[in-house]
Amino acid sequence: MNISDIRRVPHPGQTLRQRLKTAGLSAAALSRRLNVPTNRVTSIMNGQRSISGDTALRLAHFFQTSPDYWLGLQVEYELFKAVKEKGREIVDLPTIQSTGNDIENGWKQV
């Protein structure tokens, strides 16, 4: 993992904000359509709340995308934050040495 190669990843709320702008909708209007409290949408848009599985399902339905799209944005952001906050510390941690027969021992190659 090369910490310097990590690019800035925006909070998924920025994507949501842009989609609402394009659609000409307010956070309150989207909230009514998703049947969720307005503060859920505004908190996501302001980068103060993560996209949950429930919210991903609702956003995917409304915007005709997939829940994986919305959760993927969230995961990318979380990994970016983790690398930014702890990446240098983690790079220095020890790693396990491969024995060459990891698959036989139940380890899957990634």
N, C-alpha and C. Protein backbone atom coordinates (compact mmCIF):
# COMPACT_ATOMS: atom_id res chain seq x y z
N MET A 1 0.85 -1.17 0.00
CA MET A 1 0.00 0.00 0.00
C MET A 1 0.89 1.23 0.00
N ASN A 2 0.76 2.04 -1.03
CA ASN A 2 1.53 3.27 -1.11
C ASN A 2 0.61 4.42 -0.72
N ILE A 3 0.83 4.96 0.46
CA ILE A 3 -0.03 6.00 1.00
C ILE A 3 -0.09 7.22 0.07
N SER A 4 1.00 7.55 -0.56
CA SER A 4 1.03 8.74 -1.41
C SER A 4 0.19 8.58 -2.69
N ASP A 5 -0.17 7.34 -3.04
CA ASP A 5 -0.97 7.11 -4.24
C ASP A 5 -2.47 7.21 -3.99
N ILE A 6 -2.86 7.39 -2.75
CA ILE A 6 -4.28 7.44 -2.43
C ILE A 6 -4.86 8.77 -2.88
N ARG A 7 -5.91 8.69 -3.70
CA ARG A 7 -6.55 9.91 -4.17
C ARG A 7 -7.70 10.29 -3.25
N ARG A 8 -8.00 11.56 -3.25
CA ARG A 8 -9.09 12.07 -2.41
C ARG A 8 -10.40 11.48 -2.88
N VAL A 9 -11.17 10.95 -1.96
CA VAL A 9 -12.47 10.37 -2.26
C VAL A 9 -13.53 11.20 -1.55
N PRO A 10 -14.51 11.72 -2.28
CA PRO A 10 -15.53 12.55 -1.63
C PRO A 10 -16.52 11.70 -0.83
N HIS A 11 -17.12 12.32 0.16
CA HIS A 11 -18.20 11.68 0.91
C HIS A 11 -19.36 11.43 -0.06
N PRO A 12 -20.07 10.31 0.07
CA PRO A 12 -21.19 10.02 -0.84
C PRO A 12 -22.27 11.10 -0.84
N GLY A 13 -22.31 11.89 0.21
CA GLY A 13 -23.27 12.99 0.26
C GLY A 13 -23.07 13.99 -0.86
N GLN A 14 -21.83 14.13 -1.33
CA GLN A 14 -21.58 15.05 -2.45
C GLN A 14 -22.23 14.52 -3.73
N THR A 15 -22.18 13.21 -3.91
CA THR A 15 -22.84 12.60 -5.07
C THR A 15 -24.35 12.78 -4.96
N LEU A 16 -24.88 12.55 -3.77
CA LEU A 16 -26.31 12.72 -3.55
C LEU A 16 -26.72 14.17 -3.80
N ARG A 17 -25.93 15.11 -3.29
CA ARG A 17 -26.22 16.53 -3.50
C ARG A 17 -26.28 16.86 -5.00
N GLN A 18 -25.32 16.34 -5.76
CA GLN A 18 -25.28 16.60 -7.20
C GLN A 18 -26.48 16.00 -7.91
N ARG A 19 -26.84 14.80 -7.53
CA ARG A 19 -28.00 14.15 -8.16
C ARG A 19 -29.29 14.91 -7.86
N LEU A 20 -29.41 15.41 -6.64
CA LEU A 20 -30.60 16.19 -6.30
C LEU A 20 -30.64 17.49 -7.09
N LYS A 21 -29.49 18.13 -7.23
CA LYS A 21 -29.41 19.37 -7.99
C LYS A 21 -29.83 19.13 -9.44
N THR A 22 -29.30 18.05 -10.02
CA THR A 22 -29.63 17.70 -11.40
C THR A 22 -31.13 17.42 -11.56
N ALA A 23 -31.71 16.77 -10.56
CA ALA A 23 -33.13 16.43 -10.61
C ALA A 23 -34.03 17.60 -10.21
N GLY A 24 -33.42 18.66 -9.69
CA GLY A 24 -34.22 19.81 -9.25
C GLY A 24 -35.02 19.54 -8.00
N LEU A 25 -34.48 18.69 -7.13
CA LEU A 25 -35.19 18.33 -5.90
C LEU A 25 -34.46 18.85 -4.67
N SER A 26 -35.22 19.13 -3.64
CA SER A 26 -34.63 19.50 -2.35
C SER A 26 -34.46 18.23 -1.51
N ALA A 27 -33.71 18.37 -0.44
CA ALA A 27 -33.54 17.25 0.49
C ALA A 27 -34.90 16.86 1.08
N ALA A 28 -35.72 17.84 1.38
CA ALA A 28 -37.05 17.56 1.95
C ALA A 28 -37.92 16.79 0.96
N ALA A 29 -37.86 17.19 -0.30
CA ALA A 29 -38.66 16.49 -1.32
C ALA A 29 -38.20 15.04 -1.47
N LEU A 30 -36.88 14.83 -1.48
CA LEU A 30 -36.37 13.46 -1.57
C LEU A 30 -36.79 12.66 -0.34
N SER A 31 -36.68 13.26 0.81
CA SER A 31 -37.05 12.57 2.06
C SER A 31 -38.49 12.09 2.01
N ARG A 32 -39.38 12.94 1.52
CA ARG A 32 -40.80 12.54 1.41
C ARG A 32 -40.94 11.35 0.46
N ARG A 33 -40.21 11.39 -0.64
CA ARG A 33 -40.32 10.30 -1.63
C ARG A 33 -39.71 9.00 -1.11
N LEU A 34 -38.68 9.11 -0.28
CA LEU A 34 -38.04 7.92 0.29
C LEU A 34 -38.70 7.44 1.56
N ASN A 35 -39.59 8.27 2.11
CA ASN A 35 -40.27 7.97 3.38
C ASN A 35 -39.26 7.83 4.53
N VAL A 36 -38.36 8.83 4.60
CA VAL A 36 -37.36 8.89 5.67
C VAL A 36 -37.37 10.31 6.25
N PRO A 37 -36.85 10.47 7.47
CA PRO A 37 -36.77 11.82 8.03
C PRO A 37 -35.84 12.70 7.19
N THR A 38 -36.19 13.97 7.09
CA THR A 38 -35.37 14.91 6.31
C THR A 38 -33.94 14.97 6.81
N ASN A 39 -33.77 14.89 8.13
CA ASN A 39 -32.40 15.00 8.66
C ASN A 39 -31.52 13.83 8.24
N ARG A 40 -32.10 12.70 7.85
CA ARG A 40 -31.28 11.60 7.34
C ARG A 40 -30.62 12.03 6.03
N VAL A 41 -31.40 12.61 5.14
CA VAL A 41 -30.87 13.04 3.85
C VAL A 41 -29.91 14.21 4.02
N THR A 42 -30.29 15.21 4.80
CA THR A 42 -29.41 16.37 4.97
C THR A 42 -28.11 15.99 5.68
N SER A 43 -28.18 15.07 6.63
CA SER A 43 -26.96 14.63 7.32
C SER A 43 -26.02 13.91 6.36
N ILE A 44 -26.56 13.12 5.46
CA ILE A 44 -25.73 12.46 4.45
C ILE A 44 -25.13 13.52 3.52
N MET A 45 -25.95 14.44 3.07
CA MET A 45 -25.47 15.48 2.17
C MET A 45 -24.38 16.34 2.80
N ASN A 46 -24.45 16.52 4.10
CA ASN A 46 -23.46 17.34 4.82
C ASN A 46 -22.25 16.53 5.29
N GLY A 47 -22.19 15.25 4.93
CA GLY A 47 -21.06 14.41 5.30
C GLY A 47 -21.04 14.02 6.77
N GLN A 48 -22.18 14.10 7.43
CA GLN A 48 -22.27 13.80 8.86
C GLN A 48 -22.87 12.43 9.14
N ARG A 49 -23.30 11.75 8.10
CA ARG A 49 -23.93 10.44 8.28
C ARG A 49 -23.53 9.54 7.13
N SER A 50 -23.37 8.27 7.44
CA SER A 50 -23.04 7.27 6.42
C SER A 50 -24.31 6.78 5.73
N ILE A 51 -24.12 6.20 4.58
CA ILE A 51 -25.24 5.57 3.87
C ILE A 51 -25.39 4.15 4.39
N SER A 52 -26.53 3.88 4.99
CA SER A 52 -26.81 2.54 5.53
C SER A 52 -27.37 1.65 4.43
N GLY A 53 -27.51 0.38 4.74
CA GLY A 53 -28.12 -0.54 3.79
C GLY A 53 -29.54 -0.13 3.43
N ASP A 54 -30.30 0.29 4.43
CA ASP A 54 -31.68 0.73 4.20
C ASP A 54 -31.71 1.94 3.27
N THR A 55 -30.86 2.91 3.55
CA THR A 55 -30.82 4.12 2.72
C THR A 55 -30.35 3.78 1.32
N ALA A 56 -29.37 2.89 1.20
CA ALA A 56 -28.89 2.48 -0.12
C ALA A 56 -30.01 1.86 -0.95
N LEU A 57 -30.83 1.04 -0.32
CA LEU A 57 -31.96 0.42 -1.03
C LEU A 57 -32.94 1.49 -1.52
N ARG A 58 -33.22 2.46 -0.67
CA ARG A 58 -34.18 3.51 -1.03
C ARG A 58 -33.63 4.41 -2.13
N LEU A 59 -32.36 4.81 -2.00
CA LEU A 59 -31.75 5.65 -3.03
C LEU A 59 -31.66 4.91 -4.36
N ALA A 60 -31.30 3.65 -4.31
CA ALA A 60 -31.20 2.84 -5.53
C ALA A 60 -32.55 2.75 -6.23
N HIS A 61 -33.58 2.54 -5.47
CA HIS A 61 -34.93 2.46 -6.05
C HIS A 61 -35.30 3.79 -6.70
N PHE A 62 -35.12 4.87 -5.97
CA PHE A 62 -35.52 6.18 -6.48
C PHE A 62 -34.72 6.60 -7.71
N PHE A 63 -33.39 6.46 -7.64
CA PHE A 63 -32.53 6.91 -8.74
C PHE A 63 -32.30 5.84 -9.81
N GLN A 64 -32.94 4.69 -9.65
CA GLN A 64 -32.82 3.57 -10.59
C GLN A 64 -31.35 3.17 -10.77
N THR A 65 -30.69 3.01 -9.64
CA THR A 65 -29.31 2.52 -9.62
C THR A 65 -29.34 1.23 -8.82
N SER A 66 -28.21 0.80 -8.32
CA SER A 66 -28.18 -0.39 -7.47
C SER A 66 -27.79 0.02 -6.05
N PRO A 67 -28.20 -0.76 -5.07
CA PRO A 67 -27.76 -0.49 -3.70
C PRO A 67 -26.23 -0.57 -3.60
N ASP A 68 -25.63 -1.47 -4.40
CA ASP A 68 -24.17 -1.60 -4.41
C ASP A 68 -23.48 -0.31 -4.82
N TYR A 69 -24.10 0.44 -5.70
CA TYR A 69 -23.53 1.71 -6.13
C TYR A 69 -23.38 2.64 -4.92
N TRP A 70 -24.46 2.79 -4.15
CA TRP A 70 -24.45 3.71 -3.00
C TRP A 70 -23.55 3.19 -1.88
N LEU A 71 -23.61 1.90 -1.61
CA LEU A 71 -22.74 1.34 -0.57
C LEU A 71 -21.28 1.37 -1.02
N GLY A 72 -21.05 1.20 -2.31
CA GLY A 72 -19.69 1.28 -2.84
C GLY A 72 -19.08 2.66 -2.62
N LEU A 73 -19.88 3.70 -2.83
CA LEU A 73 -19.41 5.06 -2.56
C LEU A 73 -19.02 5.21 -1.10
N GLN A 74 -19.85 4.63 -0.22
CA GLN A 74 -19.59 4.73 1.22
C GLN A 74 -18.33 3.97 1.60
N VAL A 75 -18.17 2.77 1.06
CA VAL A 75 -16.98 1.96 1.37
C VAL A 75 -15.71 2.65 0.87
N GLU A 76 -15.76 3.18 -0.34
CA GLU A 76 -14.59 3.91 -0.86
C GLU A 76 -14.20 5.05 0.07
N TYR A 77 -15.20 5.79 0.53
CA TYR A 77 -14.95 6.93 1.42
C TYR A 77 -14.37 6.46 2.75
N GLU A 78 -14.94 5.38 3.31
CA GLU A 78 -14.46 4.86 4.59
C GLU A 78 -13.01 4.38 4.48
N LEU A 79 -12.68 3.70 3.38
CA LEU A 79 -11.31 3.25 3.18
C LEU A 79 -10.35 4.42 3.00
N PHE A 80 -10.80 5.44 2.28
CA PHE A 80 -9.98 6.64 2.12
C PHE A 80 -9.67 7.25 3.49
N LYS A 81 -10.71 7.37 4.31
CA LYS A 81 -10.51 7.94 5.65
C LYS A 81 -9.56 7.08 6.48
N ALA A 82 -9.72 5.76 6.41
CA ALA A 82 -8.87 4.86 7.18
C ALA A 82 -7.41 4.97 6.75
N VAL A 83 -7.18 5.02 5.45
CA VAL A 83 -5.81 5.15 4.96
C VAL A 83 -5.22 6.48 5.39
N LYS A 84 -6.01 7.52 5.27
CA LYS A 84 -5.55 8.85 5.64
C LYS A 84 -5.21 8.93 7.14
N GLU A 85 -6.04 8.31 7.97
CA GLU A 85 -5.86 8.40 9.41
C GLU A 85 -4.88 7.37 9.97
N LYS A 86 -4.86 6.17 9.43
CA LYS A 86 -4.08 5.08 10.02
C LYS A 86 -3.16 4.37 9.04
N GLY A 87 -3.14 4.79 7.80
CA GLY A 87 -2.39 4.08 6.76
C GLY A 87 -0.92 3.90 7.07
N ARG A 88 -0.26 4.96 7.48
CA ARG A 88 1.19 4.86 7.76
C ARG A 88 1.46 3.91 8.92
N GLU A 89 0.60 3.94 9.90
CA GLU A 89 0.75 3.03 11.05
C GLU A 89 0.55 1.58 10.62
N ILE A 90 -0.44 1.35 9.77
CA ILE A 90 -0.77 -0.02 9.34
C ILE A 90 0.30 -0.59 8.43
N VAL A 91 0.87 0.23 7.57
CA VAL A 91 1.92 -0.24 6.65
C VAL A 91 3.09 -0.82 7.42
N ASP A 92 3.35 -0.30 8.59
CA ASP A 92 4.49 -0.77 9.39
C ASP A 92 4.19 -2.04 10.20
N LEU A 93 2.95 -2.49 10.20
CA LEU A 93 2.60 -3.70 10.95
C LEU A 93 3.17 -4.94 10.25
N PRO A 94 3.41 -6.00 11.02
CA PRO A 94 3.93 -7.23 10.39
C PRO A 94 2.87 -7.89 9.52
N THR A 95 3.32 -8.71 8.58
CA THR A 95 2.41 -9.47 7.72
C THR A 95 2.72 -10.95 7.88
N ILE A 96 1.78 -11.78 7.49
CA ILE A 96 1.98 -13.22 7.54
C ILE A 96 2.76 -13.64 6.30
N GLN A 97 3.62 -14.59 6.46
CA GLN A 97 4.40 -15.09 5.33
C GLN A 97 3.66 -16.26 4.70
N SER A 98 3.53 -16.22 3.40
CA SER A 98 2.85 -17.28 2.67
C SER A 98 3.69 -18.55 2.70
N THR A 99 3.02 -19.68 2.88
CA THR A 99 3.73 -20.97 2.87
C THR A 99 3.65 -21.63 1.51
N GLY A 100 2.92 -21.00 0.60
CA GLY A 100 2.78 -21.58 -0.73
C GLY A 100 1.61 -22.54 -0.83
N ASN A 101 1.11 -23.04 0.30
CA ASN A 101 -0.03 -23.95 0.26
C ASN A 101 -1.19 -23.38 1.07
N ASP A 102 -1.35 -22.06 1.04
CA ASP A 102 -2.41 -21.40 1.79
C ASP A 102 -3.79 -21.88 1.39
N ILE A 103 -3.98 -22.15 0.10
CA ILE A 103 -5.30 -22.61 -0.36
C ILE A 103 -5.62 -23.96 0.25
N GLU A 104 -4.63 -24.83 0.33
CA GLU A 104 -4.83 -26.14 0.96
C GLU A 104 -5.19 -26.00 2.42
N ASN A 105 -4.70 -24.93 3.06
CA ASN A 105 -4.98 -24.71 4.48
C ASN A 105 -6.24 -23.92 4.72
N GLY A 106 -7.04 -23.69 3.67
CA GLY A 106 -8.29 -22.99 3.83
C GLY A 106 -8.23 -21.49 3.55
N TRP A 107 -7.06 -21.00 3.16
CA TRP A 107 -6.94 -19.57 2.84
C TRP A 107 -7.26 -19.39 1.36
N LYS A 108 -8.07 -18.40 1.07
CA LYS A 108 -8.38 -18.09 -0.32
C LYS A 108 -7.45 -17.01 -0.81
N GLN A 109 -7.02 -17.14 -2.06
CA GLN A 109 -6.22 -16.08 -2.65
C GLN A 109 -7.14 -14.95 -3.03
N VAL A 110 -6.66 -13.74 -2.82
CA VAL A 110 -7.46 -12.56 -3.16
C VAL A 110 -6.80 -11.83 -4.29
